[in-house]
Amino acid sequence: MEKSILVKKFETDMQKRSRTMRFLLVFDQMLNVLFWNGSQDETVSSHIGRKVNENRATWFDKRLCCFLSKFEDNHCKKSLGE
């Protein structure tokens, strides 16, 4: 990847998210790696949303999606591809 593309991505992310939100995103991604053995570039919500779509979600995954939907409707589905 070209350096200019990475710099632009970084600058866009800096404008879009506060330092606190970026920290929470990294923490979320870390939990995905630790507890779901997922990708370091994916959030727990995105990982679980994908598992739900593929009918591979556990009962805990489904409960977590239900819990997160209290804060944002269809949170796990909306987080796919982020």
C-alpha atoms as a PDB file:
ATOM      1  CA  MET A   1       0.000   0.000   0.000  1.00  0.00           C
ATOM      2  CA  GLU A   2       1.318   3.410  -0.880  1.00  0.00           C
ATOM      3  CA  LYS A   3       2.428   5.701   1.896  1.00  0.00           C
ATOM      4  CA  SER A   4       0.095   8.497   0.750  1.00  0.00           C
ATOM      5  CA  ILE A   5      -2.901   6.158   0.998  1.00  0.00           C
ATOM      6  CA  LEU A   6      -1.963   5.186   4.549  1.00  0.00           C
ATOM      7  CA  VAL A   7      -1.477   8.827   5.550  1.00  0.00           C
ATOM      8  CA  LYS A   8      -4.887   9.765   4.114  1.00  0.00           C
ATOM      9  CA  LYS A   9      -6.531   6.823   5.938  1.00  0.00           C
ATOM     10  CA  PHE A  10      -4.880   7.918   9.193  1.00  0.00           C
ATOM     11  CA  GLU A  11      -5.952  11.556   8.771  1.00  0.00           C
ATOM     12  CA  THR A  12      -9.530  10.544   7.949  1.00  0.00           C
ATOM     13  CA  ASP A  13      -9.676   8.308  11.014  1.00  0.00           C
ATOM     14  CA  MET A  14      -8.286  11.085  13.217  1.00  0.00           C
ATOM     15  CA  GLN A  15     -11.052  13.437  12.035  1.00  0.00           C
ATOM     16  CA  LYS A  16     -13.788  10.828  12.318  1.00  0.00           C
ATOM     17  CA  ARG A  17     -13.031   9.416  15.801  1.00  0.00           C
ATOM     18  CA  SER A  18     -11.849  10.913  19.052  1.00  0.00           C
ATOM     19  CA  ARG A  19      -8.890   9.433  20.906  1.00  0.00           C
ATOM     20  CA  THR A  20     -11.285   7.769  23.353  1.00  0.00           C
ATOM     21  CA  MET A  21     -13.300   6.187  20.536  1.00  0.00           C
ATOM     22  CA  ARG A  22     -10.115   4.924  18.863  1.00  0.00           C
ATOM     23  CA  PHE A  23      -9.015   3.407  22.179  1.00  0.00           C
ATOM     24  CA  LEU A  24     -12.388   1.692  22.608  1.00  0.00           C
ATOM     25  CA  LEU A  25     -12.162   0.357  19.049  1.00  0.00           C
ATOM     26  CA  VAL A  26      -8.731  -1.165  19.751  1.00  0.00           C
ATOM     27  CA  PHE A  27     -10.023  -2.631  23.019  1.00  0.00           C
ATOM     28  CA  ASP A  28     -13.017  -4.123  21.164  1.00  0.00           C
ATOM     29  CA  GLN A  29     -10.717  -5.650  18.549  1.00  0.00           C
ATOM     30  CA  MET A  30      -8.505  -7.076  21.303  1.00  0.00           C
ATOM     31  CA  LEU A  31     -11.519  -8.741  22.933  1.00  0.00           C
ATOM     32  CA  ASN A  32     -12.420 -10.234  19.548  1.00  0.00           C
ATOM     33  CA  VAL A  33      -8.966 -11.830  19.325  1.00  0.00           C
ATOM     34  CA  LEU A  34      -8.890 -13.011  22.945  1.00  0.00           C
ATOM     35  CA  PHE A  35     -12.391 -14.415  23.383  1.00  0.00           C
ATOM     36  CA  TRP A  36     -13.620 -15.201  19.868  1.00  0.00           C
ATOM     37  CA  ASN A  37     -10.262 -16.034  18.227  1.00  0.00           C
ATOM     38  CA  GLY A  38     -11.194 -13.485  15.572  1.00  0.00           C
ATOM     39  CA  SER A  39      -9.242 -11.108  13.375  1.00  0.00           C
ATOM     40  CA  GLN A  40      -7.364  -8.221  14.962  1.00  0.00           C
ATOM     41  CA  ASP A  41      -8.990  -5.936  12.377  1.00  0.00           C
ATOM     42  CA  GLU A  42     -12.565  -6.859  13.288  1.00  0.00           C
ATOM     43  CA  THR A  43     -14.766  -5.840  16.208  1.00  0.00           C
ATOM     44  CA  VAL A  44     -16.703  -8.294  18.350  1.00  0.00           C
ATOM     45  CA  SER A  45     -19.978  -6.981  16.890  1.00  0.00           C
ATOM     46  CA  SER A  46     -18.851  -7.504  13.313  1.00  0.00           C
ATOM     47  CA  HIS A  47     -17.509 -10.976  14.097  1.00  0.00           C
ATOM     48  CA  ILE A  48     -20.738 -12.038  15.794  1.00  0.00           C
ATOM     49  CA  GLY A  49     -22.874 -10.416  13.078  1.00  0.00           C
ATOM     50  CA  ARG A  50     -21.072 -12.518  10.492  1.00  0.00           C
ATOM     51  CA  LYS A  51     -21.566 -15.667  12.576  1.00  0.00           C
ATOM     52  CA  VAL A  52     -25.299 -14.909  12.919  1.00  0.00           C
ATOM     53  CA  ASN A  53     -25.621 -14.459   9.129  1.00  0.00           C
ATOM     54  CA  GLU A  54     -23.885 -17.808   8.589  1.00  0.00           C
ATOM     55  CA  ASN A  55     -26.044 -19.558  11.242  1.00  0.00           C
ATOM     56  CA  ARG A  56     -22.925 -20.376  13.286  1.00  0.00           C
ATOM     57  CA  ALA A  57     -23.631 -18.144  16.298  1.00  0.00           C
ATOM     58  CA  THR A  58     -23.679 -19.614  19.794  1.00  0.00           C
ATOM     59  CA  TRP A  59     -26.414 -18.793  22.277  1.00  0.00           C
ATOM     60  CA  PHE A  60     -23.993 -16.342  23.943  1.00  0.00           C
ATOM     61  CA  ASP A  61     -23.303 -14.596  20.622  1.00  0.00           C
ATOM     62  CA  LYS A  62     -27.032 -14.157  20.064  1.00  0.00           C
ATOM     63  CA  ARG A  63     -27.570 -12.833  23.593  1.00  0.00           C
ATOM     64  CA  LEU A  64     -24.718 -10.363  23.171  1.00  0.00           C
ATOM     65  CA  CYS A  65     -26.246  -9.112  19.901  1.00  0.00           C
ATOM     66  CA  CYS A  66     -29.587  -8.687  21.675  1.00  0.00           C
ATOM     67  CA  PHE A  67     -27.886  -6.728  24.457  1.00  0.00           C
ATOM     68  CA  LEU A  68     -26.023  -4.474  22.003  1.00  0.00           C
ATOM     69  CA  SER A  69     -29.270  -3.854  20.085  1.00  0.00           C
ATOM     70  CA  LYS A  70     -30.594  -2.054  23.172  1.00  0.00           C
ATOM     71  CA  PHE A  71     -28.041   0.677  22.448  1.00  0.00           C
ATOM     72  CA  GLU A  72     -28.389   0.670  18.645  1.00  0.00           C
ATOM     73  CA  ASP A  73     -31.010  -1.177  16.587  1.00  0.00           C
ATOM     74  CA  ASN A  74     -29.480  -4.097  14.662  1.00  0.00           C
ATOM     75  CA  HIS A  75     -26.010  -3.188  15.975  1.00  0.00           C
ATOM     76  CA  CYS A  76     -24.339  -6.447  14.915  1.00  0.00           C
ATOM     77  CA  LYS A  77     -25.742  -6.237  11.369  1.00  0.00           C
ATOM     78  CA  LYS A  78     -24.799  -2.574  11.054  1.00  0.00           C
ATOM     79  CA  SER A  79     -21.245  -3.296  12.171  1.00  0.00           C
ATOM     80  CA  LEU A  80     -20.598  -5.764   9.329  1.00  0.00           C
ATOM     81  CA  GLY A  81     -17.851  -4.552   7.046  1.00  0.00           C
ATOM     82  CA  GLU A  82     -16.466  -1.954   9.432  1.00  0.00           C
END
